[in-house]
N, C-alpha and C. Protein backbone atom coordinates (compact mmCIF):
# COMPACT_ATOMS: atom_id res chain seq x y z
N UNK A 1 0.88 -1.31 0.14
CA UNK A 1 -0.38 0.05 0.26
C UNK A 1 0.79 1.28 -0.21
N UNK A 2 0.46 2.23 -0.78
CA UNK A 2 1.14 3.52 -1.21
C UNK A 2 0.54 4.60 -0.70
N UNK A 3 1.13 5.62 0.14
CA UNK A 3 0.41 6.55 0.38
C UNK A 3 1.53 7.95 0.60
N UNK A 4 0.73 8.81 -0.13
CA UNK A 4 1.38 10.34 0.02
C UNK A 4 2.17 10.64 1.44
N UNK A 5 3.03 11.17 1.99
CA UNK A 5 3.55 11.73 3.09
C UNK A 5 3.83 13.24 2.64
N UNK A 6 3.17 14.00 3.84
CA UNK A 6 3.68 15.59 3.19
C UNK A 6 4.58 15.94 3.46
N UNK A 7 5.21 15.82 4.34
CA UNK A 7 7.04 15.91 4.71
C UNK A 7 7.08 14.68 5.42
N UNK A 8 8.22 14.81 5.14
CA UNK A 8 9.41 14.04 5.71
C UNK A 8 10.96 14.40 5.87
N UNK A 9 11.67 13.83 6.92
CA UNK A 9 12.84 14.71 7.13
C UNK A 9 14.01 13.68 7.53
N UNK A 10 15.03 13.50 6.83
CA UNK A 10 16.35 12.86 8.16
C UNK A 10 17.25 13.21 8.61
N UNK A 11 17.54 13.21 9.65
CA UNK A 11 18.86 14.03 10.18
C UNK A 11 19.72 13.09 11.21
N UNK A 12 20.89 13.29 10.65
CA UNK A 12 21.92 12.90 11.52
C UNK A 12 23.13 13.95 12.29
N UNK A 13 23.78 13.17 12.86
CA UNK A 13 24.89 13.85 13.88
C UNK A 13 26.22 13.60 13.36
N UNK A 14 26.06 15.30 12.47
CA UNK A 14 27.48 15.52 11.50
C UNK A 14 28.13 16.64 12.19
N UNK A 15 28.39 17.13 13.00
CA UNK A 15 29.09 18.55 13.61
C UNK A 15 29.94 17.96 14.02
N UNK A 16 30.95 18.87 13.08
CA UNK A 16 31.85 18.70 13.66
C UNK A 16 32.73 19.02 15.02
N UNK A 17 32.35 19.72 16.00
CA UNK A 17 32.44 19.51 17.20
C UNK A 17 32.24 18.20 18.34
N UNK A 18 31.01 17.60 17.42
CA UNK A 18 30.99 15.85 18.12
C UNK A 18 31.57 15.26 17.71
N UNK A 19 32.27 15.34 16.61
CA UNK A 19 33.47 14.29 15.50
C UNK A 19 34.40 14.37 16.62
N UNK A 20 35.27 15.70 16.93
CA UNK A 20 36.17 15.93 16.87
C UNK A 20 36.54 15.61 18.43
N UNK A 21 35.11 15.39 19.51
CA UNK A 21 35.57 15.26 20.69
C UNK A 21 35.40 13.82 20.91
N UNK A 22 34.74 13.20 19.91
CA UNK A 22 34.72 11.46 20.15
C UNK A 22 36.05 10.72 19.27
N UNK A 23 36.61 11.73 18.56
CA UNK A 23 38.29 11.38 17.66
C UNK A 23 39.13 11.75 19.46
N UNK A 24 38.87 12.38 20.19
CA UNK A 24 39.89 12.46 21.36
C UNK A 24 39.51 11.62 22.03
N UNK A 25 38.67 11.29 22.76
CA UNK A 25 38.49 9.96 23.20
C UNK A 25 38.79 8.81 22.74
N UNK A 26 38.51 8.72 21.50
CA UNK A 26 39.00 7.22 20.52
C UNK A 26 40.44 7.36 21.25
N UNK A 27 41.10 8.40 20.83
CA UNK A 27 42.80 8.13 20.85
C UNK A 27 42.65 8.30 22.21
N UNK A 28 42.47 8.85 22.90
CA UNK A 28 42.45 8.17 24.85
C UNK A 28 41.99 6.99 25.06
N UNK A 29 41.22 5.94 24.26
CA UNK A 29 40.80 5.12 24.34
C UNK A 29 41.92 3.84 23.83
N UNK A 30 42.70 4.32 22.67
CA UNK A 30 43.09 3.41 22.17
C UNK A 30 44.66 3.60 22.44
N UNK A 31 45.19 4.88 23.73
CA UNK A 31 46.37 4.55 23.68
C UNK A 31 45.83 4.47 25.49
N UNK A 32 45.39 4.36 26.05
CA UNK A 32 44.74 3.52 27.37
C UNK A 32 44.65 2.49 26.82
N UNK A 33 43.94 1.93 26.24
CA UNK A 33 43.24 0.15 26.44
C UNK A 33 44.23 -0.22 25.34
N UNK A 34 44.80 -0.27 24.72
CA UNK A 34 45.51 -0.52 23.14
C UNK A 34 44.75 -1.70 22.55
N UNK A 35 44.48 -2.31 22.75
CA UNK A 35 43.95 -2.84 20.94
C UNK A 35 41.73 -2.92 21.79
N UNK A 36 41.66 -3.30 22.43
CA UNK A 36 41.23 -3.10 22.95
C UNK A 36 40.24 -2.08 23.14
N UNK A 37 40.56 -0.79 23.37
CA UNK A 37 40.62 0.70 22.54
C UNK A 37 40.24 0.49 21.49
N UNK A 38 40.88 0.16 20.31
CA UNK A 38 40.31 0.15 19.16
C UNK A 38 39.28 0.01 18.85
N UNK A 39 38.52 -1.34 19.44
CA UNK A 39 37.34 -1.97 19.15
C UNK A 39 36.39 -1.20 19.72
N UNK A 40 36.54 -0.25 21.36
CA UNK A 40 35.56 0.72 21.82
C UNK A 40 35.11 1.58 21.04
N UNK A 41 36.29 2.06 20.91
CA UNK A 41 36.67 3.49 19.78
C UNK A 41 35.27 3.07 18.74
N UNK A 42 35.80 1.87 17.65
CA UNK A 42 35.53 1.78 16.60
C UNK A 42 33.56 1.76 16.96
N UNK A 43 33.03 0.90 18.07
CA UNK A 43 32.03 0.34 18.11
C UNK A 43 31.01 1.77 18.35
N UNK A 44 31.67 2.65 19.14
CA UNK A 44 30.73 4.07 19.93
C UNK A 44 30.99 5.19 18.70
N UNK A 45 31.70 4.60 17.47
CA UNK A 45 32.19 5.89 16.73
C UNK A 45 30.94 5.56 15.85
N UNK A 46 30.68 4.14 15.64
CA UNK A 46 30.20 3.86 14.31
C UNK A 46 28.30 3.65 14.91
N UNK A 47 28.53 3.62 16.15
CA UNK A 47 26.72 3.71 17.03
C UNK A 47 26.31 5.21 16.55
N UNK A 48 27.38 6.22 17.00
CA UNK A 48 26.83 7.56 17.01
C UNK A 48 26.46 7.61 15.43
N UNK A 49 27.42 7.28 14.24
CA UNK A 49 27.67 7.85 12.97
C UNK A 49 25.54 7.00 12.51
N UNK A 50 25.32 5.71 12.89
CA UNK A 50 24.07 5.27 13.08
C UNK A 50 22.64 5.76 12.91
N UNK A 51 22.94 6.79 14.60
CA UNK A 51 21.97 7.20 14.41
C UNK A 51 21.18 8.19 14.08
N UNK A 52 19.69 8.67 13.67
CA UNK A 52 19.22 9.32 12.76
C UNK A 52 17.76 9.54 13.33
N UNK A 53 17.61 10.97 13.15
CA UNK A 53 15.85 11.21 13.55
C UNK A 53 15.09 10.73 11.88
N UNK A 54 14.47 10.04 12.09
CA UNK A 54 13.31 10.69 11.21
C UNK A 54 12.02 11.19 11.54
N UNK A 55 11.79 12.01 10.55
CA UNK A 55 9.81 12.73 11.05
C UNK A 55 9.16 13.25 10.16
N UNK A 56 8.19 12.51 9.73
CA UNK A 56 7.11 12.32 8.79
C UNK A 56 5.56 12.72 9.28
N UNK A 57 5.00 13.61 8.49
CA UNK A 57 4.05 13.84 8.68
C UNK A 57 3.34 13.26 7.99
N UNK A 58 1.62 12.24 8.49
CA UNK A 58 1.10 11.80 7.46
C UNK A 58 -0.40 12.08 8.27
N UNK A 59 -0.89 11.51 7.10
CA UNK A 59 -2.91 12.17 7.30
C UNK A 59 -3.30 11.87 9.08
N UNK A 60 -3.00 10.63 9.86
CA UNK A 60 -3.49 10.27 10.84
C UNK A 60 -2.52 10.20 11.75
N UNK A 61 -1.13 11.53 11.96
CA UNK A 61 -0.39 11.88 13.28
C UNK A 61 1.18 12.13 12.37
N UNK A 62 1.99 12.63 13.45
CA UNK A 62 3.46 13.28 13.58
C UNK A 62 4.07 11.41 13.89
N UNK A 63 4.96 11.28 13.11
CA UNK A 63 5.55 10.24 13.29
C UNK A 63 7.26 11.01 13.72
N UNK A 64 7.69 10.38 14.52
CA UNK A 64 9.07 10.36 15.14
C UNK A 64 10.10 8.95 15.35
N UNK A 65 10.75 8.90 14.40
CA UNK A 65 11.48 7.24 14.95
C UNK A 65 13.41 8.41 14.77
N UNK A 66 13.57 7.84 16.05
CA UNK A 66 15.31 7.68 16.55
C UNK A 66 15.69 6.72 16.37
N UNK A 67 16.44 6.42 15.36
CA UNK A 67 16.92 5.02 14.87
C UNK A 67 18.30 5.00 14.96
N UNK A 68 19.04 3.68 15.82
CA UNK A 68 18.33 2.59 15.82
C UNK A 68 17.73 2.15 17.30
N UNK A 69 17.43 3.18 17.89
CA UNK A 69 17.00 3.47 19.26
C UNK A 69 15.98 2.88 19.71
N UNK A 70 14.64 3.51 18.14
CA UNK A 70 13.43 3.02 18.32
C UNK A 70 13.52 2.16 16.97
N UNK A 71 12.71 1.12 17.23
CA UNK A 71 12.35 -0.08 16.12
C UNK A 71 11.34 0.65 15.09
N UNK A 72 10.45 1.41 15.89
CA UNK A 72 9.29 1.56 15.05
C UNK A 72 9.12 3.19 15.39
N UNK A 73 8.23 3.62 14.62
CA UNK A 73 8.24 5.53 14.54
C UNK A 73 7.03 5.45 16.03
N UNK A 74 7.52 6.48 16.73
CA UNK A 74 6.74 7.03 17.30
C UNK A 74 5.33 7.81 17.06
N UNK A 75 4.34 7.45 17.35
CA UNK A 75 2.94 8.44 16.57
C UNK A 75 2.75 8.95 17.76
N UNK A 76 2.17 10.65 17.31
CA UNK A 76 0.97 11.78 18.03
C UNK A 76 0.22 11.64 17.06
N UNK A 77 -0.87 11.40 17.56
CA UNK A 77 -2.32 11.75 16.55
C UNK A 77 -2.98 13.27 16.68
N UNK A 78 -2.97 13.05 15.74
CA UNK A 78 -3.52 14.79 15.46
C UNK A 78 -4.17 14.99 16.57
N UNK A 79 -5.36 13.88 16.88
CA UNK A 79 -6.64 14.88 17.98
C UNK A 79 -5.85 15.27 19.60
N UNK A 80 -4.30 14.59 19.34
CA UNK A 80 -3.42 14.57 20.98
C UNK A 80 -3.37 16.51 20.53
N UNK A 81 -2.94 16.83 19.92
CA UNK A 81 -2.59 17.87 18.83
C UNK A 81 -2.83 19.45 19.49
N UNK A 82 -2.60 20.18 20.55
CA UNK A 82 -3.54 21.74 20.74
C UNK A 82 -3.01 22.33 19.41
N UNK A 83 -1.46 22.62 19.82
CA UNK A 83 -1.16 23.81 18.82
C UNK A 83 0.07 23.37 18.31
N UNK A 84 0.53 24.05 17.34
CA UNK A 84 2.25 23.70 16.40
C UNK A 84 2.90 25.04 16.16
N UNK A 85 4.09 25.25 16.84
CA UNK A 85 4.36 26.52 16.10
C UNK A 85 6.07 26.36 15.88
N UNK A 86 6.57 26.76 14.62
CA UNK A 86 8.22 26.08 14.51
C UNK A 86 8.88 27.51 15.51
N UNK A 87 10.04 26.92 16.44
CA UNK A 87 10.36 27.57 17.10
C UNK A 87 11.87 27.86 17.13
N UNK A 88 12.67 28.76 18.08
CA UNK A 88 14.27 28.50 18.74
C UNK A 88 14.43 28.55 19.60
N UNK A 89 14.89 27.86 19.68
CA UNK A 89 15.14 27.08 21.00
C UNK A 89 16.86 27.00 21.74
N UNK A 90 16.81 27.13 22.78
CA UNK A 90 18.15 26.42 23.47
C UNK A 90 18.74 25.51 23.78
N UNK A 91 19.07 24.25 23.01
CA UNK A 91 18.95 22.79 23.45
C UNK A 91 19.22 22.49 24.80
N UNK A 92 21.19 22.87 25.20
CA UNK A 92 21.43 23.05 26.12
C UNK A 92 21.03 23.33 27.69
N UNK A 93 20.43 24.48 26.99
CA UNK A 93 19.67 25.11 28.44
C UNK A 93 18.89 24.65 28.67
N UNK A 94 17.62 24.48 27.48
CA UNK A 94 16.50 24.33 27.85
C UNK A 94 15.76 22.24 28.29
N UNK A 95 16.70 22.13 27.41
CA UNK A 95 17.04 20.41 27.19
C UNK A 95 18.38 19.36 27.72
N UNK A 96 18.76 20.12 27.89
CA UNK A 96 20.24 19.68 27.50
C UNK A 96 21.21 19.12 27.32
N UNK A 97 20.49 19.52 26.19
CA UNK A 97 21.43 18.97 25.00
C UNK A 97 20.69 18.21 23.44
N UNK A 98 21.38 17.41 23.26
CA UNK A 98 20.57 17.09 21.46
C UNK A 98 21.00 15.26 22.26
N UNK A 99 19.43 14.64 21.16
CA UNK A 99 19.17 13.51 21.30
C UNK A 99 17.55 13.26 21.77
N UNK A 100 17.47 12.58 22.49
CA UNK A 100 16.06 11.99 23.02
C UNK A 100 16.15 12.81 24.60
N UNK A 101 15.74 13.98 24.88
CA UNK A 101 15.62 14.52 25.62
C UNK A 101 14.45 14.76 26.50
N UNK A 102 14.35 14.33 27.95
CA UNK A 102 13.21 14.93 28.96
C UNK A 102 13.04 15.97 30.15
N UNK A 103 12.07 16.44 30.14
CA UNK A 103 11.47 17.61 31.22
C UNK A 103 10.40 17.21 31.91
N UNK A 104 9.60 17.53 33.46
CA UNK A 104 8.75 17.57 33.18
C UNK A 104 7.19 17.70 32.34
N UNK A 105 7.75 18.86 31.80
CA UNK A 105 6.62 18.71 31.16
C UNK A 105 6.55 19.09 29.30
N UNK A 106 8.43 18.40 29.42
CA UNK A 106 8.50 18.34 27.96
C UNK A 106 9.48 17.01 27.51
N UNK A 107 9.12 16.60 26.02
CA UNK A 107 10.48 15.68 25.23
C UNK A 107 10.80 16.67 24.29
N UNK A 108 11.98 16.09 24.57
CA UNK A 108 12.55 16.70 22.81
C UNK A 108 12.95 15.53 22.12
N UNK A 109 13.64 15.82 20.87
CA UNK A 109 13.75 15.14 19.74
C UNK A 109 15.01 15.60 19.03
N UNK A 110 16.11 16.35 19.39
CA UNK A 110 16.55 16.70 18.24
C UNK A 110 17.88 16.26 18.04
N UNK A 111 18.83 16.66 16.89
CA UNK A 111 19.88 16.29 16.64
C UNK A 111 21.19 17.30 15.97
N UNK A 112 20.34 18.53 15.75
CA UNK A 112 21.82 19.30 15.47
C UNK A 112 20.99 20.90 15.55
N UNK A 113 21.49 21.74 15.68
CA UNK A 113 20.94 23.15 15.49
C UNK A 113 20.21 23.97 16.55
N UNK A 114 19.44 24.65 16.32
CA UNK A 114 18.66 25.24 17.69
C UNK A 114 16.92 25.65 17.24
N UNK A 115 16.48 25.03 16.15
CA UNK A 115 15.41 25.55 15.42
C UNK A 115 14.11 24.23 15.71
N UNK A 116 13.26 24.35 15.98
CA UNK A 116 11.99 23.19 15.77
C UNK A 116 10.53 23.06 15.50
N UNK A 117 10.18 22.38 15.84
CA UNK A 117 8.39 22.71 15.90
C UNK A 117 7.92 22.19 17.10
N UNK A 118 7.40 23.18 17.76
CA UNK A 118 7.17 22.69 19.23
C UNK A 118 5.06 22.60 19.36
N UNK A 119 4.51 21.37 19.67
CA UNK A 119 3.68 21.07 19.75
C UNK A 119 3.32 21.01 21.21
N UNK A 120 2.05 21.53 21.16
CA UNK A 120 1.27 21.07 22.93
C UNK A 120 0.95 20.74 22.86
N UNK A 121 0.80 19.46 23.99
CA UNK A 121 -0.22 18.39 23.89
C UNK A 121 -1.05 18.99 25.18
N UNK A 122 -2.57 19.24 24.95
CA UNK A 122 -3.07 19.12 26.24
C UNK A 122 -3.30 17.89 27.44
N UNK A 123 -2.76 17.82 28.45
CA UNK A 123 -3.11 16.55 29.06
C UNK A 123 -1.41 16.15 29.18
N UNK A 124 -0.53 15.90 28.61
CA UNK A 124 0.05 15.48 28.40
C UNK A 124 1.27 16.28 27.91
N UNK A 125 2.78 15.87 27.63
CA UNK A 125 3.83 16.75 27.85
C UNK A 125 3.85 17.33 26.66
N UNK A 126 4.89 18.39 26.51
CA UNK A 126 4.78 19.05 24.94
C UNK A 126 5.73 18.40 23.99
N UNK A 127 5.84 18.59 22.78
CA UNK A 127 6.81 17.84 22.27
C UNK A 127 7.72 18.45 21.34
N UNK A 128 8.94 18.79 21.50
CA UNK A 128 9.84 19.39 20.61
C UNK A 128 10.46 18.43 19.51
N UNK A 129 10.51 18.59 18.12
CA UNK A 129 10.76 17.98 17.18
C UNK A 129 11.97 19.10 16.41
N UNK A 130 13.30 18.81 16.72
CA UNK A 130 14.18 19.20 16.06
C UNK A 130 14.37 19.20 14.37
N UNK A 131 14.02 19.99 13.45
CA UNK A 131 14.12 20.30 12.33
C UNK A 131 15.31 21.28 11.83
N UNK A 132 15.62 20.87 10.38
CA UNK A 132 16.82 21.82 9.71
C UNK A 132 15.37 22.88 8.79
N UNK A 133 14.56 22.35 8.68
CA UNK A 133 13.02 23.26 8.30
C UNK A 133 12.10 23.07 8.65
N UNK A 134 12.36 23.78 10.04
CA UNK A 134 11.13 23.76 11.08
C UNK A 134 9.77 24.64 10.12
N UNK A 135 9.34 25.52 9.40
CA UNK A 135 8.35 26.59 8.77
C UNK A 135 7.91 25.25 8.02
N UNK A 136 8.65 24.50 6.63
CA UNK A 136 7.76 23.34 6.22
C UNK A 136 7.22 22.66 6.88
N UNK A 137 8.16 21.92 8.21
CA UNK A 137 7.49 21.29 9.05
C UNK A 137 5.94 21.35 9.66
N UNK A 138 6.10 22.78 9.97
CA UNK A 138 4.93 23.57 10.72
C UNK A 138 3.91 23.75 10.31
N UNK A 139 4.16 24.41 8.40
CA UNK A 139 3.05 24.22 7.54
C UNK A 139 2.36 22.78 7.18
N UNK A 140 3.18 21.55 6.88
CA UNK A 140 2.59 20.33 6.67
C UNK A 140 1.72 20.12 7.52
N UNK A 141 2.21 19.92 9.10
CA UNK A 141 1.55 19.77 10.57
C UNK A 141 -0.11 20.20 10.22
N UNK A 142 0.15 22.03 9.86
CA UNK A 142 -1.00 22.77 9.83
C UNK A 142 -2.12 22.18 8.95
N UNK A 143 -1.25 22.22 7.95
CA UNK A 143 -2.21 21.73 6.58
C UNK A 143 -2.97 20.37 6.49
N UNK A 144 -2.04 19.43 7.20
CA UNK A 144 -2.69 18.08 7.12
C UNK A 144 -3.81 17.93 8.35
N UNK A 145 -3.50 18.37 9.73
CA UNK A 145 -4.43 18.69 11.01
C UNK A 145 -5.88 19.13 10.06
N UNK A 146 -5.70 20.12 9.28
CA UNK A 146 -6.95 21.06 8.73
C UNK A 146 -7.82 19.99 7.82
N UNK A 147 -6.97 19.32 7.10
CA UNK A 147 -7.46 18.35 6.06
C UNK A 147 -7.96 17.29 6.69
N UNK A 148 -7.69 16.64 8.30
CA UNK A 148 -7.83 15.87 8.93
C UNK A 148 -9.68 15.91 9.29
N UNK A 149 -9.74 17.43 10.14
CA UNK A 149 -10.63 18.01 10.62
C UNK A 149 -12.00 17.96 9.55
N UNK A 150 -12.13 17.90 8.47
CA UNK A 150 -12.52 18.32 7.27
C UNK A 150 -13.57 17.25 7.25
């Protein structure tokens, strides 16, 4: 079965400061642990290289997957969304960094940058989804939710 996805974005951890830090940690591991350090550094670097955040807007909700940590997409049905706003945020100060981040009142999925879409969810935690194209993502959500309510 084929269906149209109004918005899809795949992001990866490709920031040079992260890779510089991993390089230094890998070097220390190799020097400190010898051959085992090479294996550990390789596994850690391979894992970080494989991480990706996939975001899709579909007819029945927003789908977010942080692969390979999530085997399947996490779905946020449109009925659970109160409002949608493209926003600029401070990842370190507001969420403690990048990745899958939890606060008492919000969950964030992000891999780079400081832009994203904030979805308020009455009766549940707000959801921030980092995006390199936040205005496009917010527009796709608004258009899809307005189509779904017709």
